[in-house]
Amino acid sequence: MIRSFLTVSSGTLASRLLGFVRDSIIAALLGAGPVADAFLVAFQLVNVVRRLLTEGALNAALVPAWLRVRDADGAVAAAAFAGRVLGTVSAALIAASVLIGLLMPLLITALAPGFAGHETLQLAVNDARLMLPYLAFAGPVTVMMALLNAQGRFALTAFSPLLFNIALIAVMAVLLGWRQDAVDAALILAATIGIAGLLQLSMLVLRGGGIATPLRISFDGEMRGFLGRAIPGMIASSAPQWLVVAGAIIASSSPSAVSWLYFANRLIELPLGIVGVAMGTVLIPEMTRALRGDDPAVTAHAESRGLELAVGLALPATLGLIALSTPIVRMLFEHGAFTSSDTAATAQALMWLTLSLPAHVLVKALSPAFFAREDTMTPLTATLKAIVLAIALGFLLGHWFGAPGIAAAIALGAWSNAFTLVRRGAETFGFSIDAAARRRLPRIVVAALAMGGLLWLATAFALPAGASAHGLVQAVILLVVIAGGIALYGLFLGLFGVTGWREAVGAIRQNRAA
């Protein structure tokens, strides 16, 4: 599980880093004004669908169902089942894309009511319609990635999203050199998103052909039952994105607030992607096999290691982002049309939004226990409650505190989601945490707090000393501080007896040998 986790995390890390490059160029190209707000609302819609479908979310329903058919009826029946899923999902998304395109003005008004009566609404509608072809490609990409994950072929699915960001970065580099008008640049960039989806699908089909044959469209009882389980699971798996959409609905009435929240959320998505997506991709197949084997010890081991990885990676990332929020935002986004005031506003939103990170990762660690039992309704209910709470609190806190208040409402919604899953899991089947996890978890928390305290000291004394230096020098100093924090955290983990480099490398080699 550690080796698979690292494979998925490495691919996700590479994709997120390219995403930072992409968003840095978007900030320089569009800034944080009406054009950027319009583009980012439209792009957020595509991002929600992309995350909902392609980044591990479909594992929630497809992986257990595919494994059940393969174990009961063999590989040929599993391939036929996958072919029906692939054809049906693709056809449904093509039809949905056409319908959404017709209703796009109403949809954008619902997602960003503050745009109504302004030119920003039409800009967002135009951008979103140009992005719609991506949704048609997202269907087959979704199914292919989930099937490859079920077969343990994590590397291909982990690294295929790189093509999405590479295509966008290449087009934006040309637009920066061309010095195109911001409105026209946004339209060209929106049209590129569909091409990026086609590139990703082409790679998956070329490398994973034959795993879903024959291709058929079917809405029989079996397929309706599968979709009935899949749709709630996909919505629940994308809880972080839905909460940000809820925040954007409220922020749309404030100029530039959508952009500030978007760029702040991008920094949350790096650790969330590395930990959360990897856990959702790897843990669901692991726990499904453990439950089908009726082995409580294996189930407890999977749940315990997943919780350790969640806390051990999310907590230090949370403390680090809070301590270094302003210098990180300045280094990544303060270029071109993105001003110093935008940096200050984005950093304030980031500090509050970061508090949602442990909750999001905890949800990613807890949800596989429900999905592996083919229970997608409990996570869905928890997600819907969290969205309603975030919107209600967002209106209040946003009115009083602006974008930081909306970010705080998103964080509270995330914790509501996590607490609901903890309570429901304890009531229905109970979580099995082994003795090693009970010993390690408190020590992980202490190690993260120690690292966070040292980073705060570095922010207070080391970074101000280089404030007058060249931007490149400031970036190097910041990277050194971040690398030092990671090294110190690893040192504390070793000193507290949690783990060490030799133990981690040994576990990876043992899994590779197996």
Protein backbone atom coordinates (compact mmCIF):
# COMPACT_ATOMS: atom_id res chain seq x y z
CA MET A 1 0.00 0.00 0.00
CA ILE A 2 2.91 2.35 0.77
CA ARG A 3 4.43 1.79 -2.68
CA SER A 4 1.08 2.36 -4.44
CA PHE A 5 0.45 5.43 -2.26
CA LEU A 6 3.83 6.90 -3.22
CA THR A 7 3.21 6.19 -6.91
CA VAL A 8 -0.12 8.02 -6.90
CA SER A 9 1.26 10.80 -4.67
CA SER A 10 4.22 11.36 -7.01
CA GLY A 11 1.96 11.70 -10.03
CA THR A 12 -0.41 13.98 -8.15
CA LEU A 13 2.50 16.08 -6.85
CA ALA A 14 3.83 16.53 -10.38
CA SER A 15 0.35 17.50 -11.61
CA ARG A 16 -0.19 19.95 -8.72
CA LEU A 17 3.22 21.58 -9.26
CA LEU A 18 2.40 22.05 -12.92
CA GLY A 19 -0.95 23.40 -11.72
CA PHE A 20 0.91 26.05 -9.71
CA VAL A 21 2.83 27.03 -12.82
CA ARG A 22 -0.47 27.16 -14.72
CA ASP A 23 -2.19 29.30 -12.09
CA SER A 24 0.80 31.59 -11.74
CA ILE A 25 0.59 32.30 -15.46
CA ILE A 26 -3.20 32.77 -15.23
CA ALA A 27 -2.63 35.34 -12.45
CA ALA A 28 -0.05 37.18 -14.56
CA LEU A 29 -2.24 36.99 -17.68
CA LEU A 30 -5.65 37.88 -16.20
CA GLY A 31 -4.90 39.40 -12.77
CA ALA A 32 -7.74 39.40 -10.21
CA GLY A 33 -10.39 41.57 -11.88
CA PRO A 34 -13.70 40.89 -13.67
CA VAL A 35 -12.11 38.95 -16.56
CA ALA A 36 -10.29 36.68 -14.12
CA ASP A 37 -13.41 36.24 -11.96
CA ALA A 38 -15.45 35.23 -15.02
CA PHE A 39 -12.84 32.78 -16.29
CA LEU A 40 -12.24 31.24 -12.86
CA VAL A 41 -15.95 30.67 -12.18
CA ALA A 42 -16.21 28.85 -15.51
CA PHE A 43 -12.95 26.98 -14.90
CA GLN A 44 -14.12 26.04 -11.41
CA LEU A 45 -17.17 24.36 -12.94
CA VAL A 46 -14.91 22.26 -15.17
CA ASN A 47 -12.56 21.58 -12.28
CA VAL A 48 -15.39 20.26 -10.11
CA VAL A 49 -16.48 17.88 -12.86
CA ARG A 50 -12.88 16.86 -13.52
CA ARG A 51 -12.21 16.14 -9.86
CA LEU A 52 -15.63 14.55 -9.36
CA LEU A 53 -14.98 12.13 -12.21
CA THR A 54 -11.31 11.60 -12.93
CA GLU A 55 -9.25 12.10 -9.78
CA GLY A 56 -10.13 8.92 -7.92
CA ALA A 57 -13.77 9.74 -7.20
CA LEU A 58 -15.27 7.04 -9.44
CA ASN A 59 -13.31 4.45 -7.46
CA ALA A 60 -15.99 4.92 -4.82
CA ALA A 61 -18.50 2.92 -6.87
CA LEU A 62 -16.77 1.35 -9.89
CA VAL A 63 -13.86 -0.43 -8.18
CA PRO A 64 -15.96 -2.50 -5.72
CA ALA A 65 -18.52 -3.30 -8.46
CA TRP A 66 -15.86 -4.32 -11.02
CA LEU A 67 -14.00 -6.47 -8.49
CA ARG A 68 -17.26 -8.18 -7.50
CA VAL A 69 -18.10 -9.05 -11.14
CA ARG A 70 -14.55 -10.25 -11.86
CA ASP A 71 -14.42 -12.46 -8.76
CA ALA A 72 -17.88 -13.92 -9.37
CA ASP A 73 -18.00 -14.28 -13.17
CA GLY A 74 -14.44 -13.92 -14.48
CA ALA A 75 -12.39 -11.43 -16.52
CA VAL A 76 -14.55 -11.56 -19.66
CA ALA A 77 -17.69 -10.62 -17.72
CA ALA A 78 -15.77 -7.85 -15.95
CA ALA A 79 -14.60 -6.44 -19.31
CA ALA A 80 -18.19 -6.53 -20.63
CA PHE A 81 -19.46 -4.78 -17.50
CA ALA A 82 -16.73 -2.14 -17.91
CA GLY A 83 -17.71 -1.70 -21.59
CA ARG A 84 -21.31 -1.00 -20.62
CA VAL A 85 -20.20 1.48 -17.95
CA LEU A 86 -17.84 3.21 -20.40
CA GLY A 87 -20.44 3.53 -23.14
CA THR A 88 -23.26 4.59 -20.84
CA VAL A 89 -21.26 7.19 -18.89
CA SER A 90 -19.83 8.65 -22.11
CA ALA A 91 -23.26 8.95 -23.75
CA ALA A 92 -24.77 10.48 -20.61
CA LEU A 93 -22.05 13.12 -20.35
CA ILE A 94 -22.31 14.06 -24.02
CA ALA A 95 -26.05 14.61 -23.58
CA ALA A 96 -25.43 16.51 -20.34
CA SER A 97 -22.86 18.76 -22.08
CA VAL A 98 -25.40 19.75 -24.75
CA LEU A 99 -28.07 20.48 -22.13
CA ILE A 100 -25.66 22.45 -19.92
CA GLY A 101 -24.57 24.50 -22.92
CA LEU A 102 -28.17 25.54 -23.57
CA LEU A 103 -28.79 26.37 -19.90
CA MET A 104 -25.39 27.95 -19.24
CA PRO A 105 -26.67 31.50 -18.48
CA LEU A 106 -28.96 30.11 -15.76
CA LEU A 107 -26.20 27.85 -14.39
CA ILE A 108 -23.63 30.66 -14.17
CA THR A 109 -26.22 32.92 -12.53
CA ALA A 110 -26.81 30.20 -9.92
CA LEU A 111 -23.08 29.68 -9.35
CA ALA A 112 -22.24 33.39 -9.29
CA PRO A 113 -25.39 35.41 -8.51
CA GLY A 114 -23.27 38.50 -7.95
CA PHE A 115 -22.48 38.54 -11.71
CA ALA A 116 -26.13 39.19 -12.63
CA GLY A 117 -26.61 42.53 -14.39
CA HIS A 118 -22.88 42.90 -15.14
CA GLU A 119 -20.72 42.17 -18.19
CA THR A 120 -18.93 39.56 -16.08
CA LEU A 121 -21.92 37.20 -16.47
CA GLN A 122 -21.66 37.06 -20.27
CA LEU A 123 -17.88 36.65 -20.07
CA ALA A 124 -18.31 33.68 -17.76
CA VAL A 125 -21.00 32.13 -19.99
CA ASN A 126 -18.78 32.43 -23.08
CA ASP A 127 -15.79 30.90 -21.28
CA ALA A 128 -17.84 28.04 -19.82
CA ARG A 129 -19.40 27.11 -23.18
CA LEU A 130 -15.97 26.89 -24.79
CA MET A 131 -14.84 24.56 -21.97
CA LEU A 132 -17.82 22.19 -22.38
CA PRO A 133 -16.18 19.72 -24.84
CA TYR A 134 -13.98 18.63 -21.97
CA LEU A 135 -17.02 17.13 -20.23
CA ALA A 136 -17.58 14.73 -23.15
CA PHE A 137 -13.99 13.48 -22.89
CA ALA A 138 -14.19 13.28 -19.08
CA GLY A 139 -16.61 10.35 -19.30
CA PRO A 140 -14.30 7.77 -20.92
CA VAL A 141 -11.30 9.21 -19.04
CA THR A 142 -13.21 8.60 -15.80
CA VAL A 143 -13.94 4.94 -16.47
CA MET A 144 -10.51 4.12 -17.90
CA MET A 145 -8.72 5.56 -14.87
CA ALA A 146 -10.95 3.74 -12.39
CA LEU A 147 -10.50 0.40 -14.19
CA LEU A 148 -6.74 0.80 -14.28
CA ASN A 149 -6.75 1.61 -10.56
CA ALA A 150 -8.80 -1.54 -9.87
CA GLN A 151 -6.10 -3.56 -11.65
CA GLY A 152 -3.37 -1.92 -9.56
CA ARG A 153 -1.98 0.09 -12.51
CA PHE A 154 -1.70 3.30 -10.52
CA ALA A 155 1.22 4.93 -12.36
CA LEU A 156 -0.64 5.50 -15.64
CA THR A 157 -3.66 7.09 -13.96
CA ALA A 158 -1.48 9.14 -11.61
CA PHE A 159 0.59 10.75 -14.36
CA SER A 160 -2.01 11.13 -17.15
CA PRO A 161 -3.43 14.43 -15.69
CA LEU A 162 -0.05 16.03 -16.45
CA LEU A 163 -1.13 16.39 -20.07
CA PHE A 164 -4.02 18.65 -19.03
CA ASN A 165 -1.71 21.19 -17.39
CA ILE A 166 1.04 20.89 -20.01
CA ALA A 167 -1.39 21.83 -22.78
CA LEU A 168 -2.72 24.85 -20.88
CA ILE A 169 0.76 26.07 -19.91
CA ALA A 170 1.97 25.86 -23.52
CA VAL A 171 -0.96 27.94 -24.79
CA MET A 172 -0.60 30.54 -22.02
CA ALA A 173 3.13 30.90 -22.71
CA VAL A 174 2.25 31.81 -26.29
CA LEU A 175 -0.45 34.24 -25.13
CA LEU A 176 1.99 36.01 -22.78
CA GLY A 177 4.46 36.49 -25.61
CA TRP A 178 1.67 37.55 -27.96
CA ARG A 179 0.39 40.12 -25.43
CA GLN A 180 -3.21 39.33 -26.33
CA ASP A 181 -6.16 41.25 -24.83
CA ALA A 182 -7.26 39.67 -21.53
CA VAL A 183 -10.79 38.86 -22.76
CA ASP A 184 -9.52 37.20 -25.94
CA ALA A 185 -6.81 35.38 -23.99
CA ALA A 186 -9.43 33.94 -21.64
CA LEU A 187 -11.52 32.70 -24.60
CA ILE A 188 -8.52 31.04 -26.26
CA LEU A 189 -7.53 29.43 -22.99
CA ALA A 190 -11.08 28.17 -22.42
CA ALA A 191 -11.11 26.53 -25.86
CA THR A 192 -7.81 24.79 -25.09
CA ILE A 193 -9.31 22.90 -22.15
CA GLY A 194 -11.27 20.56 -24.44
CA ILE A 195 -8.09 19.77 -26.40
CA ALA A 196 -6.31 18.98 -23.13
CA GLY A 197 -9.05 16.48 -22.26
CA LEU A 198 -8.67 14.81 -25.66
CA LEU A 199 -4.92 14.38 -25.11
CA GLN A 200 -5.50 12.69 -21.74
CA LEU A 201 -8.12 10.33 -23.19
CA SER A 202 -5.89 9.40 -26.11
CA MET A 203 -3.05 8.32 -23.82
CA LEU A 204 -5.32 6.20 -21.61
CA VAL A 205 -6.97 4.47 -24.58
CA LEU A 206 -3.62 3.70 -26.24
CA ARG A 207 -2.14 2.23 -23.05
CA GLY A 208 -5.23 0.62 -21.53
CA GLY A 209 -7.15 -0.73 -24.53
CA GLY A 210 -9.10 -3.96 -24.15
CA ILE A 211 -10.11 -3.58 -20.53
CA ALA A 212 -13.63 -2.35 -21.43
CA THR A 213 -15.03 -4.39 -24.34
CA PRO A 214 -17.41 -4.54 -26.06
CA LEU A 215 -18.47 -0.88 -25.87
CA ARG A 216 -22.23 -0.61 -25.30
CA ILE A 217 -24.84 1.86 -24.08
CA SER A 218 -27.18 0.23 -21.60
CA PHE A 219 -29.67 1.45 -19.04
CA ASP A 220 -30.76 -1.94 -17.78
CA GLY A 221 -31.41 -2.74 -14.13
CA GLU A 222 -27.76 -3.55 -13.39
CA MET A 223 -26.54 -0.29 -14.92
CA ARG A 224 -29.22 1.79 -13.19
CA GLY A 225 -28.21 0.20 -9.90
CA PHE A 226 -24.56 0.98 -10.54
CA LEU A 227 -25.27 4.62 -11.45
CA GLY A 228 -27.52 4.89 -8.39
CA ARG A 229 -24.52 3.98 -6.24
CA ALA A 230 -21.94 5.87 -8.33
CA ILE A 231 -23.54 9.32 -8.43
CA PRO A 232 -23.81 9.75 -4.63
CA GLY A 233 -20.24 8.46 -4.24
CA MET A 234 -18.85 10.84 -6.83
CA ILE A 235 -20.57 13.83 -5.24
CA ALA A 236 -19.34 12.83 -1.79
CA SER A 237 -15.77 12.26 -3.02
CA SER A 238 -15.65 15.81 -4.37
CA ALA A 239 -16.69 17.49 -1.12
CA PRO A 240 -13.70 19.94 -1.07
CA GLN A 241 -14.59 21.22 -4.53
CA TRP A 242 -18.30 21.57 -3.73
CA LEU A 243 -17.46 23.59 -0.62
CA VAL A 244 -15.30 25.96 -2.66
CA VAL A 245 -18.13 26.31 -5.19
CA ALA A 246 -20.42 27.22 -2.29
CA GLY A 247 -17.89 29.86 -1.26
CA ALA A 248 -17.71 31.23 -4.81
CA ILE A 249 -21.49 31.63 -4.90
CA ILE A 250 -21.25 34.02 -1.97
CA ALA A 251 -18.00 35.69 -3.05
CA SER A 252 -19.32 36.55 -6.54
CA SER A 253 -20.92 39.73 -5.19
CA SER A 254 -17.54 41.11 -4.07
CA PRO A 255 -15.03 42.29 -6.73
CA SER A 256 -11.97 40.01 -7.02
CA ALA A 257 -13.09 37.80 -4.09
CA VAL A 258 -13.68 34.80 -6.39
CA SER A 259 -10.09 35.11 -7.64
CA TRP A 260 -8.64 35.43 -4.13
CA LEU A 261 -10.47 32.32 -2.92
CA TYR A 262 -9.53 30.40 -6.06
CA PHE A 263 -5.81 31.06 -5.73
CA ALA A 264 -5.89 30.37 -1.98
CA ASN A 265 -7.66 27.08 -2.62
CA ARG A 266 -5.03 26.10 -5.18
CA LEU A 267 -2.45 26.06 -2.39
CA ILE A 268 -4.73 23.81 -0.31
CA GLU A 269 -5.06 21.40 -3.20
CA LEU A 270 -1.35 20.54 -3.31
CA PRO A 271 -1.23 18.65 0.01
CA LEU A 272 -4.88 17.59 -0.38
CA GLY A 273 -4.09 16.08 -3.76
CA ILE A 274 -0.94 14.33 -2.61
CA VAL A 275 -2.60 12.77 0.43
CA GLY A 276 -6.33 12.78 -0.28
CA VAL A 277 -6.42 11.64 -3.90
CA ALA A 278 -3.77 8.99 -3.27
CA MET A 279 -5.67 7.65 -0.26
CA GLY A 280 -8.94 7.55 -2.17
CA THR A 281 -7.25 5.77 -5.07
CA VAL A 282 -5.26 3.21 -3.07
CA LEU A 283 -7.32 2.63 0.08
CA ILE A 284 -10.61 1.72 -1.62
CA PRO A 285 -9.18 -1.31 -3.52
CA GLU A 286 -7.17 -2.33 -0.43
CA MET A 287 -10.16 -2.17 1.92
CA THR A 288 -12.49 -3.82 -0.59
CA ARG A 289 -10.14 -6.82 -0.83
CA ALA A 290 -9.79 -6.94 2.97
CA LEU A 291 -13.56 -6.90 3.50
CA ARG A 292 -14.15 -9.53 0.82
CA GLY A 293 -11.52 -11.70 2.47
CA ASP A 294 -13.31 -11.26 5.82
CA ASP A 295 -10.00 -10.52 7.55
CA PRO A 296 -10.42 -8.00 10.42
CA ALA A 297 -6.67 -7.76 10.95
CA VAL A 298 -6.05 -6.69 7.34
CA THR A 299 -8.94 -4.21 7.52
CA ALA A 300 -7.58 -2.71 10.76
CA HIS A 301 -4.11 -2.48 9.21
CA ALA A 302 -5.43 -0.60 6.14
CA GLU A 303 -7.51 1.80 8.24
CA SER A 304 -4.67 2.44 10.70
CA ARG A 305 -2.00 3.09 8.08
CA GLY A 306 -4.41 5.33 6.17
CA LEU A 307 -5.14 7.41 9.26
CA GLU A 308 -1.44 7.68 10.11
CA LEU A 309 -0.62 8.86 6.59
CA ALA A 310 -3.50 11.35 6.69
CA VAL A 311 -2.51 12.95 9.99
CA GLY A 312 1.22 12.65 9.35
CA LEU A 313 1.08 14.55 6.07
CA ALA A 314 -1.93 16.88 6.46
CA LEU A 315 -1.14 18.36 9.88
CA PRO A 316 2.39 19.63 9.09
CA ALA A 317 1.16 20.93 5.74
CA THR A 318 -1.59 22.87 7.52
CA LEU A 319 0.79 24.46 10.01
CA GLY A 320 3.31 25.24 7.27
CA LEU A 321 0.76 26.98 5.04
CA ILE A 322 -0.53 29.08 7.94
CA ALA A 323 2.98 30.17 8.94
CA LEU A 324 4.18 30.88 5.39
CA SER A 325 0.95 32.03 3.73
CA THR A 326 2.06 35.52 2.66
CA PRO A 327 5.55 34.66 1.28
CA ILE A 328 4.18 31.62 -0.58
CA VAL A 329 1.39 33.62 -2.25
CA ARG A 330 3.84 36.40 -3.10
CA MET A 331 6.34 34.01 -4.68
CA LEU A 332 3.77 32.11 -6.75
CA PHE A 333 1.26 34.70 -7.89
CA GLU A 334 2.50 38.30 -7.47
CA HIS A 335 3.44 38.86 -11.09
CA GLY A 336 2.02 40.89 -13.96
CA ALA A 337 -1.58 41.91 -13.26
CA PHE A 338 -1.61 40.30 -9.79
CA THR A 339 -0.78 43.09 -7.33
CA SER A 340 0.55 43.25 -3.76
CA SER A 341 -2.95 44.01 -2.46
CA ASP A 342 -4.16 40.84 -4.16
CA THR A 343 -1.34 38.98 -2.37
CA ALA A 344 -2.43 40.30 1.03
CA ALA A 345 -6.09 39.42 0.44
CA THR A 346 -5.27 35.94 -0.90
CA ALA A 347 -2.94 35.23 2.04
CA GLN A 348 -5.63 36.19 4.55
CA ALA A 349 -8.12 33.85 2.85
CA LEU A 350 -5.47 31.11 2.73
CA MET A 351 -4.83 31.23 6.49
CA TRP A 352 -8.48 30.48 7.22
CA LEU A 353 -9.00 28.08 4.34
CA THR A 354 -5.98 26.04 5.45
CA LEU A 355 -7.89 25.05 8.60
CA SER A 356 -10.09 22.89 6.36
CA LEU A 357 -7.15 20.77 5.15
CA PRO A 358 -7.01 18.26 8.06
CA ALA A 359 -10.79 17.82 7.82
CA HIS A 360 -10.67 17.19 4.06
CA VAL A 361 -7.90 14.61 4.44
CA LEU A 362 -9.70 12.97 7.36
CA VAL A 363 -12.76 12.63 5.11
CA LYS A 364 -10.55 11.05 2.43
CA ALA A 365 -9.25 8.59 5.04
CA LEU A 366 -12.71 7.73 6.43
CA SER A 367 -14.74 7.57 3.21
CA PRO A 368 -13.09 4.38 1.85
CA ALA A 369 -14.47 2.48 4.86
CA PHE A 370 -17.98 3.35 3.61
CA PHE A 371 -17.25 3.01 -0.12
CA ALA A 372 -15.64 -0.41 0.29
CA ARG A 373 -18.94 -1.55 1.87
CA GLU A 374 -20.76 0.00 -1.13
CA ASP A 375 -22.34 2.60 1.16
CA THR A 376 -22.24 5.87 -0.78
CA MET A 377 -25.29 7.50 0.78
CA THR A 378 -23.71 8.20 4.18
CA PRO A 379 -20.80 10.24 2.71
CA LEU A 380 -23.27 11.97 0.38
CA THR A 381 -25.51 13.01 3.26
CA ALA A 382 -22.52 14.30 5.22
CA THR A 383 -21.33 16.30 2.18
CA LEU A 384 -24.74 17.89 1.58
CA LYS A 385 -24.99 18.90 5.25
CA ALA A 386 -21.52 20.46 5.03
CA ILE A 387 -22.44 22.45 1.89
CA VAL A 388 -25.62 23.84 3.48
CA LEU A 389 -23.69 24.80 6.62
CA ALA A 390 -20.90 26.45 4.60
CA ILE A 391 -23.39 28.54 2.59
CA ALA A 392 -25.33 29.62 5.68
CA LEU A 393 -22.19 30.58 7.59
CA GLY A 394 -20.65 32.09 4.47
CA PHE A 395 -23.42 34.66 4.14
CA LEU A 396 -22.93 35.71 7.77
CA LEU A 397 -19.14 35.63 8.01
CA GLY A 398 -18.70 36.97 4.47
CA HIS A 399 -20.86 39.98 5.31
CA TRP A 400 -18.79 40.73 8.41
CA PHE A 401 -15.27 39.75 7.32
CA GLY A 402 -15.27 39.48 3.51
CA ALA A 403 -13.26 36.76 1.72
CA PRO A 404 -11.53 35.53 4.94
CA GLY A 405 -14.96 35.03 6.51
CA ILE A 406 -16.10 32.95 3.53
CA ALA A 407 -12.90 30.89 3.81
CA ALA A 408 -13.63 30.28 7.50
CA ALA A 409 -17.15 29.13 6.61
CA ILE A 410 -15.70 26.62 4.11
CA ALA A 411 -13.39 25.28 6.84
CA LEU A 412 -16.29 24.85 9.27
CA GLY A 413 -18.26 23.01 6.60
CA ALA A 414 -15.33 20.66 6.04
CA TRP A 415 -15.10 19.83 9.75
CA SER A 416 -18.85 19.21 9.83
CA ASN A 417 -18.36 16.64 7.07
CA ALA A 418 -15.53 14.91 8.95
CA PHE A 419 -17.34 14.77 12.29
CA THR A 420 -20.47 13.34 10.64
CA LEU A 421 -18.46 10.50 9.07
CA VAL A 422 -16.68 9.75 12.35
CA ARG A 423 -19.98 9.54 14.22
CA ARG A 424 -21.75 7.45 11.58
CA GLY A 425 -18.81 5.09 11.16
CA ALA A 426 -18.54 4.52 14.89
CA GLU A 427 -22.29 3.81 15.09
CA THR A 428 -22.56 1.40 12.15
CA PHE A 429 -19.39 -0.69 11.86
CA GLY A 430 -16.74 0.89 14.10
CA PHE A 431 -13.26 1.92 13.03
CA SER A 432 -10.46 -0.53 13.77
CA ILE A 433 -7.28 1.23 14.91
CA ASP A 434 -4.41 -1.05 15.87
CA ALA A 435 -1.98 -0.59 18.75
CA ALA A 436 0.77 0.84 16.53
CA ALA A 437 -1.50 3.66 15.34
CA ARG A 438 -2.60 4.50 18.89
CA ARG A 439 1.06 4.82 19.84
CA ARG A 440 2.17 6.79 16.78
CA LEU A 441 -0.64 9.30 16.30
CA PRO A 442 0.02 11.45 19.42
CA ARG A 443 3.72 11.53 18.57
CA ILE A 444 2.95 12.62 15.00
CA VAL A 445 0.90 15.52 16.38
CA VAL A 446 3.74 16.61 18.69
CA ALA A 447 6.29 16.42 15.85
CA ALA A 448 4.07 18.55 13.59
CA LEU A 449 3.52 21.17 16.30
CA ALA A 450 7.26 21.40 16.93
CA MET A 451 7.92 21.89 13.22
CA GLY A 452 5.16 24.51 12.99
CA GLY A 453 6.64 26.48 15.89
CA LEU A 454 10.06 26.57 14.25
CA LEU A 455 8.55 27.68 10.95
CA TRP A 456 6.76 30.51 12.74
CA LEU A 457 10.11 31.64 14.18
CA ALA A 458 11.67 31.51 10.73
CA THR A 459 8.82 33.62 9.33
CA ALA A 460 9.25 36.17 12.11
CA PHE A 461 13.05 36.53 11.88
CA ALA A 462 14.66 34.87 8.83
CA LEU A 463 12.30 35.89 6.00
CA PRO A 464 12.07 39.62 6.94
CA ALA A 465 15.86 39.81 6.73
CA GLY A 466 15.69 39.09 2.99
CA ALA A 467 12.65 41.26 2.27
CA SER A 468 14.71 43.85 0.38
CA ALA A 469 16.57 41.26 -1.72
CA HIS A 470 15.87 40.35 -5.35
CA GLY A 471 12.74 38.27 -5.95
CA LEU A 472 14.81 35.23 -6.94
CA VAL A 473 16.80 35.46 -3.71
CA GLN A 474 13.58 35.69 -1.69
CA ALA A 475 12.25 32.60 -3.48
CA VAL A 476 15.44 30.66 -2.69
CA ILE A 477 15.25 31.68 0.99
CA LEU A 478 11.61 30.57 1.15
CA LEU A 479 12.40 27.22 -0.48
CA VAL A 480 15.26 26.68 1.97
CA VAL A 481 12.91 27.40 4.90
CA ILE A 482 10.34 24.93 3.51
CA ALA A 483 12.99 22.26 2.92
CA GLY A 484 14.33 22.86 6.43
CA GLY A 485 10.85 22.44 7.90
CA ILE A 486 10.39 19.12 6.07
CA ALA A 487 13.79 17.91 7.26
CA LEU A 488 13.06 18.91 10.85
CA TYR A 489 9.71 17.15 10.76
CA GLY A 490 11.39 13.97 9.53
CA LEU A 491 13.98 14.32 12.29
CA PHE A 492 11.27 14.72 14.95
CA LEU A 493 9.44 11.65 13.64
CA GLY A 494 12.64 9.66 14.03
CA LEU A 495 13.42 11.04 17.49
CA PHE A 496 9.89 10.28 18.71
CA GLY A 497 10.06 6.73 17.39
CA VAL A 498 7.32 7.11 14.77
CA THR A 499 9.35 6.12 11.72
CA GLY A 500 12.66 6.70 10.01
CA TRP A 501 14.10 6.77 6.51
CA ARG A 502 15.48 3.24 6.84
CA GLU A 503 12.11 1.83 7.90
CA ALA A 504 10.21 3.64 5.12
CA VAL A 505 12.65 2.58 2.39
CA GLY A 506 12.61 -0.97 3.71
CA ALA A 507 8.82 -1.08 3.55
CA ILE A 508 8.83 0.19 -0.03
CA ARG A 509 11.43 -2.39 -1.10
CA GLN A 510 9.50 -5.16 0.63
CA ASN A 511 6.32 -4.18 -1.25
CA ARG A 512 8.23 -4.01 -4.55
CA ALA A 513 9.69 -7.45 -3.97
CA ALA A 514 6.24 -8.82 -3.20
